[in-house]
PDB file of N, CA and C in Angstrom:
ATOM      1  N   UNK A   1      45.459  -8.186   3.094  1.00  0.00           N
ATOM      2  CA  UNK A   1      44.930  -8.506   1.787  1.00  0.00           C
ATOM      3  C   UNK A   1      44.215  -7.278   1.254  1.00  0.00           C
ATOM      4  N   UNK A   2      44.570  -6.824   0.096  1.00  0.00           N
ATOM      5  CA  UNK A   2      43.980  -5.583  -0.417  1.00  0.00           C
ATOM      6  C   UNK A   2      42.622  -5.751  -1.102  1.00  0.00           C
ATOM      7  N   UNK A   3      41.827  -6.717  -0.706  1.00  0.00           N
ATOM      8  CA  UNK A   3      40.510  -6.916  -1.316  1.00  0.00           C
ATOM      9  C   UNK A   3      39.604  -5.733  -0.981  1.00  0.00           C
ATOM     10  N   UNK A   4      38.993  -5.164  -2.014  1.00  0.00           N
ATOM     11  CA  UNK A   4      38.087  -4.025  -1.826  1.00  0.00           C
ATOM     12  C   UNK A   4      36.619  -4.434  -1.882  1.00  0.00           C
ATOM     13  N   UNK A   5      36.357  -5.733  -1.959  1.00  0.00           N
ATOM     14  CA  UNK A   5      34.990  -6.246  -2.025  1.00  0.00           C
ATOM     15  C   UNK A   5      34.263  -5.766  -3.280  1.00  0.00           C
ATOM     16  N   UNK A   6      35.019  -5.622  -4.381  1.00  0.00           N
ATOM     17  CA  UNK A   6      34.419  -5.174  -5.646  1.00  0.00           C
ATOM     18  C   UNK A   6      33.516  -6.250  -6.256  1.00  0.00           C
ATOM     19  N   UNK A   7      33.764  -7.493  -5.905  1.00  0.00           N
ATOM     20  CA  UNK A   7      32.960  -8.652  -6.299  1.00  0.00           C
ATOM     21  C   UNK A   7      33.064  -9.050  -7.774  1.00  0.00           C
ATOM     22  N   UNK A   8      34.049  -8.537  -8.482  1.00  0.00           N
ATOM     23  CA  UNK A   8      34.266  -8.996  -9.854  1.00  0.00           C
ATOM     24  C   UNK A   8      34.525 -10.498  -9.863  1.00  0.00           C
ATOM     25  N   UNK A   9      35.219 -10.968  -8.850  1.00  0.00           N
ATOM     26  CA  UNK A   9      35.568 -12.385  -8.764  1.00  0.00           C
ATOM     27  C   UNK A   9      34.332 -13.272  -8.639  1.00  0.00           C
ATOM     28  N   UNK A  10      33.301 -12.773  -7.974  1.00  0.00           N
ATOM     29  CA  UNK A  10      32.087 -13.569  -7.786  1.00  0.00           C
ATOM     30  C   UNK A  10      31.414 -13.898  -9.108  1.00  0.00           C
ATOM     31  N   UNK A  11      31.428 -12.931 -10.012  1.00  0.00           N
ATOM     32  CA  UNK A  11      30.779 -13.119 -11.304  1.00  0.00           C
ATOM     33  C   UNK A  11      31.488 -14.167 -12.155  1.00  0.00           C
ATOM     34  N   UNK A  12      32.782 -14.333 -11.920  1.00  0.00           N
ATOM     35  CA  UNK A  12      33.561 -15.247 -12.757  1.00  0.00           C
ATOM     36  C   UNK A  12      33.749 -16.628 -12.144  1.00  0.00           C
ATOM     37  N   UNK A  13      33.364 -16.817 -10.895  1.00  0.00           N
ATOM     38  CA  UNK A  13      33.606 -18.093 -10.217  1.00  0.00           C
ATOM     39  C   UNK A  13      32.553 -19.137 -10.600  1.00  0.00           C
ATOM     40  N   UNK A  14      32.973 -20.219 -11.261  1.00  0.00           N
ATOM     41  CA  UNK A  14      32.007 -21.246 -11.663  1.00  0.00           C
ATOM     42  C   UNK A  14      31.466 -22.065 -10.488  1.00  0.00           C
ATOM     43  N   UNK A  15      32.125 -21.999  -9.345  1.00  0.00           N
ATOM     44  CA  UNK A  15      31.725 -22.786  -8.178  1.00  0.00           C
ATOM     45  C   UNK A  15      30.919 -21.975  -7.168  1.00  0.00           C
ATOM     46  N   UNK A  16      30.786 -20.677  -7.376  1.00  0.00           N
ATOM     47  CA  UNK A  16      30.045 -19.839  -6.438  1.00  0.00           C
ATOM     48  C   UNK A  16      30.740 -19.641  -5.108  1.00  0.00           C
ATOM     49  N   UNK A  17      32.056 -19.697  -5.109  1.00  0.00           N
ATOM     50  CA  UNK A  17      32.814 -19.484  -3.873  1.00  0.00           C
ATOM     51  C   UNK A  17      32.628 -18.034  -3.429  1.00  0.00           C
ATOM     52  N   UNK A  18      32.370 -17.836  -2.163  1.00  0.00           N
ATOM     53  CA  UNK A  18      32.172 -16.490  -1.601  1.00  0.00           C
ATOM     54  C   UNK A  18      33.543 -15.893  -1.290  1.00  0.00           C
ATOM     55  N   UNK A  19      34.244 -15.528  -2.338  1.00  0.00           N
ATOM     56  CA  UNK A  19      35.639 -15.101  -2.250  1.00  0.00           C
ATOM     57  C   UNK A  19      35.830 -13.890  -1.326  1.00  0.00           C
ATOM     58  N   UNK A  20      35.098 -12.794  -1.495  1.00  0.00           N
ATOM     59  CA  UNK A  20      35.329 -11.646  -0.610  1.00  0.00           C
ATOM     60  C   UNK A  20      35.130 -11.978   0.873  1.00  0.00           C
ATOM     61  N   UNK A  21      34.167 -12.824   1.172  1.00  0.00           N
ATOM     62  CA  UNK A  21      33.934 -13.208   2.569  1.00  0.00           C
ATOM     63  C   UNK A  21      35.100 -14.027   3.120  1.00  0.00           C
ATOM     64  N   UNK A  22      35.634 -14.921   2.315  1.00  0.00           N
ATOM     65  CA  UNK A  22      36.778 -15.718   2.751  1.00  0.00           C
ATOM     66  C   UNK A  22      37.997 -14.823   2.975  1.00  0.00           C
ATOM     67  N   UNK A  23      38.215 -13.878   2.067  1.00  0.00           N
ATOM     68  CA  UNK A  23      39.350 -12.970   2.204  1.00  0.00           C
ATOM     69  C   UNK A  23      39.160 -12.051   3.405  1.00  0.00           C
ATOM     70  N   UNK A  24      37.945 -11.613   3.658  1.00  0.00           N
ATOM     71  CA  UNK A  24      37.672 -10.768   4.820  1.00  0.00           C
ATOM     72  C   UNK A  24      37.973 -11.525   6.113  1.00  0.00           C
ATOM     73  N   UNK A  25      37.652 -12.796   6.144  1.00  0.00           N
ATOM     74  CA  UNK A  25      37.939 -13.602   7.332  1.00  0.00           C
ATOM     75  C   UNK A  25      39.444 -13.725   7.552  1.00  0.00           C
ATOM     76  N   UNK A  26      40.183 -13.899   6.475  1.00  0.00           N
ATOM     77  CA  UNK A  26      41.640 -13.938   6.589  1.00  0.00           C
ATOM     78  C   UNK A  26      42.169 -12.598   7.099  1.00  0.00           C
ATOM     79  N   UNK A  27      41.583 -11.500   6.638  1.00  0.00           N
ATOM     80  CA  UNK A  27      42.008 -10.177   7.096  1.00  0.00           C
ATOM     81  C   UNK A  27      41.718  -9.967   8.573  1.00  0.00           C
ATOM     82  N   UNK A  28      40.580 -10.417   9.040  1.00  0.00           N
ATOM     83  CA  UNK A  28      40.249 -10.300  10.462  1.00  0.00           C
ATOM     84  C   UNK A  28      41.303 -11.019  11.291  1.00  0.00           C
ATOM     85  N   UNK A  29      41.670 -12.197  10.858  1.00  0.00           N
ATOM     86  CA  UNK A  29      42.680 -12.966  11.575  1.00  0.00           C
ATOM     87  C   UNK A  29      44.033 -12.260  11.546  1.00  0.00           C
ATOM     88  N   UNK A  30      44.426 -11.767  10.379  1.00  0.00           N
ATOM     89  CA  UNK A  30      45.733 -11.121  10.238  1.00  0.00           C
ATOM     90  C   UNK A  30      45.802  -9.783  10.982  1.00  0.00           C
ATOM     91  N   UNK A  31      44.760  -8.996  10.889  1.00  0.00           N
ATOM     92  CA  UNK A  31      44.786  -7.658  11.478  1.00  0.00           C
ATOM     93  C   UNK A  31      44.561  -7.643  12.986  1.00  0.00           C
ATOM     94  N   UNK A  32      43.658  -8.505  13.450  1.00  0.00           N
ATOM     95  CA  UNK A  32      43.271  -8.457  14.855  1.00  0.00           C
ATOM     96  C   UNK A  32      43.669  -9.692  15.650  1.00  0.00           C
ATOM     97  N   UNK A  33      44.080 -10.746  14.968  1.00  0.00           N
ATOM     98  CA  UNK A  33      44.445 -11.975  15.659  1.00  0.00           C
ATOM     99  C   UNK A  33      43.261 -12.631  16.356  1.00  0.00           C
ATOM    100  N   UNK A  34      42.070 -12.277  15.949  1.00  0.00           N
ATOM    101  CA  UNK A  34      40.848 -12.754  16.594  1.00  0.00           C
ATOM    102  C   UNK A  34      40.326 -13.991  15.855  1.00  0.00           C
ATOM    103  N   UNK A  35      40.755 -15.148  16.295  1.00  0.00           N
ATOM    104  CA  UNK A  35      40.373 -16.402  15.644  1.00  0.00           C
ATOM    105  C   UNK A  35      38.870 -16.639  15.718  1.00  0.00           C
ATOM    106  N   UNK A  36      38.279 -16.328  16.846  1.00  0.00           N
ATOM    107  CA  UNK A  36      36.838 -16.554  17.020  1.00  0.00           C
ATOM    108  C   UNK A  36      36.031 -15.696  16.036  1.00  0.00           C
ATOM    109  N   UNK A  37      36.359 -14.415  15.973  1.00  0.00           N
ATOM    110  CA  UNK A  37      35.624 -13.514  15.069  1.00  0.00           C
ATOM    111  C   UNK A  37      35.854 -13.877  13.608  1.00  0.00           C
ATOM    112  N   UNK A  38      37.083 -14.249  13.269  1.00  0.00           N
ATOM    113  CA  UNK A  38      37.382 -14.645  11.891  1.00  0.00           C
ATOM    114  C   UNK A  38      36.582 -15.887  11.512  1.00  0.00           C
ATOM    115  N   UNK A  39      36.536 -16.861  12.412  1.00  0.00           N
ATOM    116  CA  UNK A  39      35.777 -18.092  12.163  1.00  0.00           C
ATOM    117  C   UNK A  39      34.284 -17.787  12.059  1.00  0.00           C
ATOM    118  N   UNK A  40      33.805 -16.951  12.956  1.00  0.00           N
ATOM    119  CA  UNK A  40      32.392 -16.577  12.948  1.00  0.00           C
ATOM    120  C   UNK A  40      32.021 -15.875  11.641  1.00  0.00           C
ATOM    121  N   UNK A  41      32.876 -14.961  11.185  1.00  0.00           N
ATOM    122  CA  UNK A  41      32.632 -14.263   9.926  1.00  0.00           C
ATOM    123  C   UNK A  41      32.603 -15.258   8.764  1.00  0.00           C
ATOM    124  N   UNK A  42      33.539 -16.187   8.767  1.00  0.00           N
ATOM    125  CA  UNK A  42      33.586 -17.183   7.699  1.00  0.00           C
ATOM    126  C   UNK A  42      32.322 -18.044   7.717  1.00  0.00           C
ATOM    127  N   UNK A  43      31.965 -18.542   8.885  1.00  0.00           N
ATOM    128  CA  UNK A  43      30.782 -19.402   8.993  1.00  0.00           C
ATOM    129  C   UNK A  43      29.520 -18.670   8.544  1.00  0.00           C
ATOM    130  N   UNK A  44      29.397 -17.427   8.908  1.00  0.00           N
ATOM    131  CA  UNK A  44      28.195 -16.662   8.604  1.00  0.00           C
ATOM    132  C   UNK A  44      28.136 -16.241   7.132  1.00  0.00           C
ATOM    133  N   UNK A  45      29.268 -15.820   6.575  1.00  0.00           N
ATOM    134  CA  UNK A  45      29.269 -15.207   5.249  1.00  0.00           C
ATOM    135  C   UNK A  45      29.792 -16.072   4.114  1.00  0.00           C
ATOM    136  N   UNK A  46      30.573 -17.078   4.419  1.00  0.00           N
ATOM    137  CA  UNK A  46      31.201 -17.854   3.345  1.00  0.00           C
ATOM    138  C   UNK A  46      30.720 -19.296   3.267  1.00  0.00           C
ATOM    139  N   UNK A  47      29.961 -19.736   4.235  1.00  0.00           N
ATOM    140  CA  UNK A  47      29.585 -21.152   4.254  1.00  0.00           C
ATOM    141  C   UNK A  47      28.701 -21.552   3.071  1.00  0.00           C
ATOM    142  N   UNK A  48      27.990 -20.610   2.467  1.00  0.00           N
ATOM    143  CA  UNK A  48      27.157 -20.930   1.300  1.00  0.00           C
ATOM    144  C   UNK A  48      27.992 -21.205   0.056  1.00  0.00           C
ATOM    145  N   UNK A  49      29.225 -20.756   0.074  1.00  0.00           N
ATOM    146  CA  UNK A  49      30.158 -20.976  -1.034  1.00  0.00           C
ATOM    147  C   UNK A  49      31.546 -21.131  -0.454  1.00  0.00           C
ATOM    148  N   UNK A  50      31.824 -22.272   0.176  1.00  0.00           N
ATOM    149  CA  UNK A  50      33.078 -22.438   0.912  1.00  0.00           C
ATOM    150  C   UNK A  50      34.325 -22.394   0.023  1.00  0.00           C
ATOM    151  N   UNK A  51      35.416 -21.970   0.632  1.00  0.00           N
ATOM    152  CA  UNK A  51      36.691 -21.869  -0.070  1.00  0.00           C
ATOM    153  C   UNK A  51      37.136 -23.214  -0.633  1.00  0.00           C
ATOM    154  N   UNK A  52      36.786 -24.283   0.038  1.00  0.00           N
ATOM    155  CA  UNK A  52      37.187 -25.619  -0.414  1.00  0.00           C
ATOM    156  C   UNK A  52      36.508 -26.029  -1.718  1.00  0.00           C
ATOM    157  N   UNK A  53      35.508 -25.272  -2.152  1.00  0.00           N
ATOM    158  CA  UNK A  53      34.847 -25.564  -3.424  1.00  0.00           C
ATOM    159  C   UNK A  53      35.647 -25.070  -4.626  1.00  0.00           C
ATOM    160  N   UNK A  54      36.681 -24.289  -4.372  1.00  0.00           N
ATOM    161  CA  UNK A  54      37.507 -23.738  -5.447  1.00  0.00           C
ATOM    162  C   UNK A  54      38.152 -24.863  -6.251  1.00  0.00           C
ATOM    163  N   UNK A  55      38.081 -24.743  -7.570  1.00  0.00           N
ATOM    164  CA  UNK A  55      38.689 -25.731  -8.467  1.00  0.00           C
ATOM    165  C   UNK A  55      39.970 -25.197  -9.109  1.00  0.00           C
ATOM    166  N   UNK A  56      40.452 -24.052  -8.597  1.00  0.00           N
ATOM    167  CA  UNK A  56      41.708 -23.442  -9.042  1.00  0.00           C
ATOM    168  C   UNK A  56      41.728 -23.138 -10.537  1.00  0.00           C
ATOM    169  N   UNK A  57      40.590 -22.709 -11.076  1.00  0.00           N
ATOM    170  CA  UNK A  57      40.534 -22.376 -12.504  1.00  0.00           C
ATOM    171  C   UNK A  57      41.223 -21.042 -12.803  1.00  0.00           C
ATOM    172  N   UNK A  58      41.315 -20.174 -11.792  1.00  0.00           N
ATOM    173  CA  UNK A  58      41.982 -18.897 -11.956  1.00  0.00           C
ATOM    174  C   UNK A  58      41.140 -17.797 -12.572  1.00  0.00           C
ATOM    175  N   UNK A  59      39.877 -18.063 -12.874  1.00  0.00           N
ATOM    176  CA  UNK A  59      39.016 -17.045 -13.482  1.00  0.00           C
ATOM    177  C   UNK A  59      38.899 -15.818 -12.576  1.00  0.00           C
ATOM    178  N   UNK A  60      38.877 -16.028 -11.286  1.00  0.00           N
ATOM    179  CA  UNK A  60      38.785 -14.920 -10.330  1.00  0.00           C
ATOM    180  C   UNK A  60      40.029 -14.035 -10.391  1.00  0.00           C
ATOM    181  N   UNK A  61      41.185 -14.649 -10.516  1.00  0.00           N
ATOM    182  CA  UNK A  61      42.439 -13.897 -10.559  1.00  0.00           C
ATOM    183  C   UNK A  61      42.550 -13.077 -11.842  1.00  0.00           C
ATOM    184  N   UNK A  62      41.970 -13.581 -12.913  1.00  0.00           N
ATOM    185  CA  UNK A  62      42.012 -12.861 -14.194  1.00  0.00           C
ATOM    186  C   UNK A  62      41.265 -11.532 -14.143  1.00  0.00           C
ATOM    187  N   UNK A  63      40.259 -11.426 -13.283  1.00  0.00           N
ATOM    188  CA  UNK A  63      39.448 -10.209 -13.218  1.00  0.00           C
ATOM    189  C   UNK A  63      39.703  -9.360 -11.974  1.00  0.00           C
ATOM    190  N   UNK A  64      40.583  -9.797 -11.115  1.00  0.00           N
ATOM    191  CA  UNK A  64      40.843  -9.077  -9.858  1.00  0.00           C
ATOM    192  C   UNK A  64      41.674  -7.816 -10.114  1.00  0.00           C
ATOM    193  N   UNK A  65      41.106  -6.628  -9.866  1.00  0.00           N
ATOM    194  CA  UNK A  65      41.854  -5.394 -10.079  1.00  0.00           C
ATOM    195  C   UNK A  65      43.052  -5.256  -9.140  1.00  0.00           C
ATOM    196  N   UNK A  66      42.995  -5.913  -7.983  1.00  0.00           N
ATOM    197  CA  UNK A  66      44.083  -5.834  -7.016  1.00  0.00           C
ATOM    198  C   UNK A  66      45.164  -6.889  -7.249  1.00  0.00           C
ATOM    199  N   UNK A  67      44.936  -7.754  -8.226  1.00  0.00           N
ATOM    200  CA  UNK A  67      45.902  -8.810  -8.588  1.00  0.00           C
ATOM    201  C   UNK A  67      46.241  -9.721  -7.392  1.00  0.00           C
ATOM    202  N   UNK A  68      45.229 -10.049  -6.624  1.00  0.00           N
ATOM    203  CA  UNK A  68      45.403 -10.928  -5.463  1.00  0.00           C
ATOM    204  C   UNK A  68      45.556 -12.367  -5.938  1.00  0.00           C
ATOM    205  N   UNK A  69      46.424 -13.114  -5.314  1.00  0.00           N
ATOM    206  CA  UNK A  69      46.565 -14.550  -5.584  1.00  0.00           C
ATOM    207  C   UNK A  69      45.422 -15.284  -4.898  1.00  0.00           C
ATOM    208  N   UNK A  70      44.244 -15.142  -5.456  1.00  0.00           N
ATOM    209  CA  UNK A  70      43.019 -15.620  -4.804  1.00  0.00           C
ATOM    210  C   UNK A  70      43.028 -17.125  -4.585  1.00  0.00           C
ATOM    211  N   UNK A  71      43.443 -17.886  -5.564  1.00  0.00           N
ATOM    212  CA  UNK A  71      43.432 -19.348  -5.421  1.00  0.00           C
ATOM    213  C   UNK A  71      44.273 -19.764  -4.218  1.00  0.00           C
ATOM    214  N   UNK A  72      45.452 -19.198  -4.105  1.00  0.00           N
ATOM    215  CA  UNK A  72      46.341 -19.511  -2.969  1.00  0.00           C
ATOM    216  C   UNK A  72      45.670 -19.139  -1.643  1.00  0.00           C
ATOM    217  N   UNK A  73      45.019 -17.985  -1.601  1.00  0.00           N
ATOM    218  CA  UNK A  73      44.377 -17.529  -0.369  1.00  0.00           C
ATOM    219  C   UNK A  73      43.155 -18.376  -0.019  1.00  0.00           C
ATOM    220  N   UNK A  74      42.453 -18.870  -1.021  1.00  0.00           N
ATOM    221  CA  UNK A  74      41.304 -19.746  -0.746  1.00  0.00           C
ATOM    222  C   UNK A  74      41.761 -21.073  -0.160  1.00  0.00           C
ATOM    223  N   UNK A  75      42.881 -21.572  -0.623  1.00  0.00           N
ATOM    224  CA  UNK A  75      43.442 -22.803  -0.040  1.00  0.00           C
ATOM    225  C   UNK A  75      43.753 -22.562   1.437  1.00  0.00           C
ATOM    226  N   UNK A  76      44.331 -21.414   1.713  1.00  0.00           N
ATOM    227  CA  UNK A  76      44.670 -21.063   3.102  1.00  0.00           C
ATOM    228  C   UNK A  76      43.408 -20.917   3.952  1.00  0.00           C
ATOM    229  N   UNK A  77      42.390 -20.248   3.407  1.00  0.00           N
ATOM    230  CA  UNK A  77      41.134 -20.061   4.142  1.00  0.00           C
ATOM    231  C   UNK A  77      40.464 -21.400   4.435  1.00  0.00           C
ATOM    232  N   UNK A  78      40.447 -22.286   3.453  1.00  0.00           N
ATOM    233  CA  UNK A  78      39.841 -23.610   3.665  1.00  0.00           C
ATOM    234  C   UNK A  78      40.567 -24.353   4.782  1.00  0.00           C
ATOM    235  N   UNK A  79      41.873 -24.270   4.795  1.00  0.00           N
ATOM    236  CA  UNK A  79      42.660 -24.941   5.830  1.00  0.00           C
ATOM    237  C   UNK A  79      42.426 -24.374   7.221  1.00  0.00           C
ATOM    238  N   UNK A  80      42.222 -23.079   7.300  1.00  0.00           N
ATOM    239  CA  UNK A  80      42.033 -22.428   8.585  1.00  0.00           C
ATOM    240  C   UNK A  80      40.602 -22.516   9.106  1.00  0.00           C
ATOM    241  N   UNK A  81      39.635 -22.336   8.230  1.00  0.00           N
ATOM    242  CA  UNK A  81      38.257 -22.171   8.671  1.00  0.00           C
ATOM    243  C   UNK A  81      37.349 -23.381   8.438  1.00  0.00           C
ATOM    244  N   UNK A  82      37.828 -24.361   7.720  1.00  0.00           N
ATOM    245  CA  UNK A  82      37.005 -25.559   7.459  1.00  0.00           C
ATOM    246  C   UNK A  82      37.617 -26.804   8.092  1.00  0.00           C
ATOM    247  N   UNK A  83      38.342 -26.631   9.144  1.00  0.00           N
ATOM    248  CA  UNK A  83      39.076 -27.729   9.760  1.00  0.00           C
ATOM    249  C   UNK A  83      38.247 -28.622  10.676  1.00  0.00           C
ATOM    250  N   UNK A  84      36.983 -28.301  10.814  1.00  0.00           N
ATOM    251  CA  UNK A  84      36.145 -29.083  11.738  1.00  0.00           C
ATOM    252  C   UNK A  84      35.792 -30.412  11.198  1.00  0.00           C
TER     253      UNK A  84
END
């Protein structure tokens, strides 16, 4: 995921979803295959604004310089890291 942690998405999210933290957790899983570390990162950094809070308004995608499909990735993050 080419997220640079620019945080433009945070300013536009009406739900306060911690988008960069959720994407970073997905990257940890994809790059290192470390489920424990990815989960730990998500719990520590994204739990205040969980991915499941996303209402799919797309405001984050409108301002993302990397043109990431953020809504789709948040659905994936919620499924992976909020399964408890």
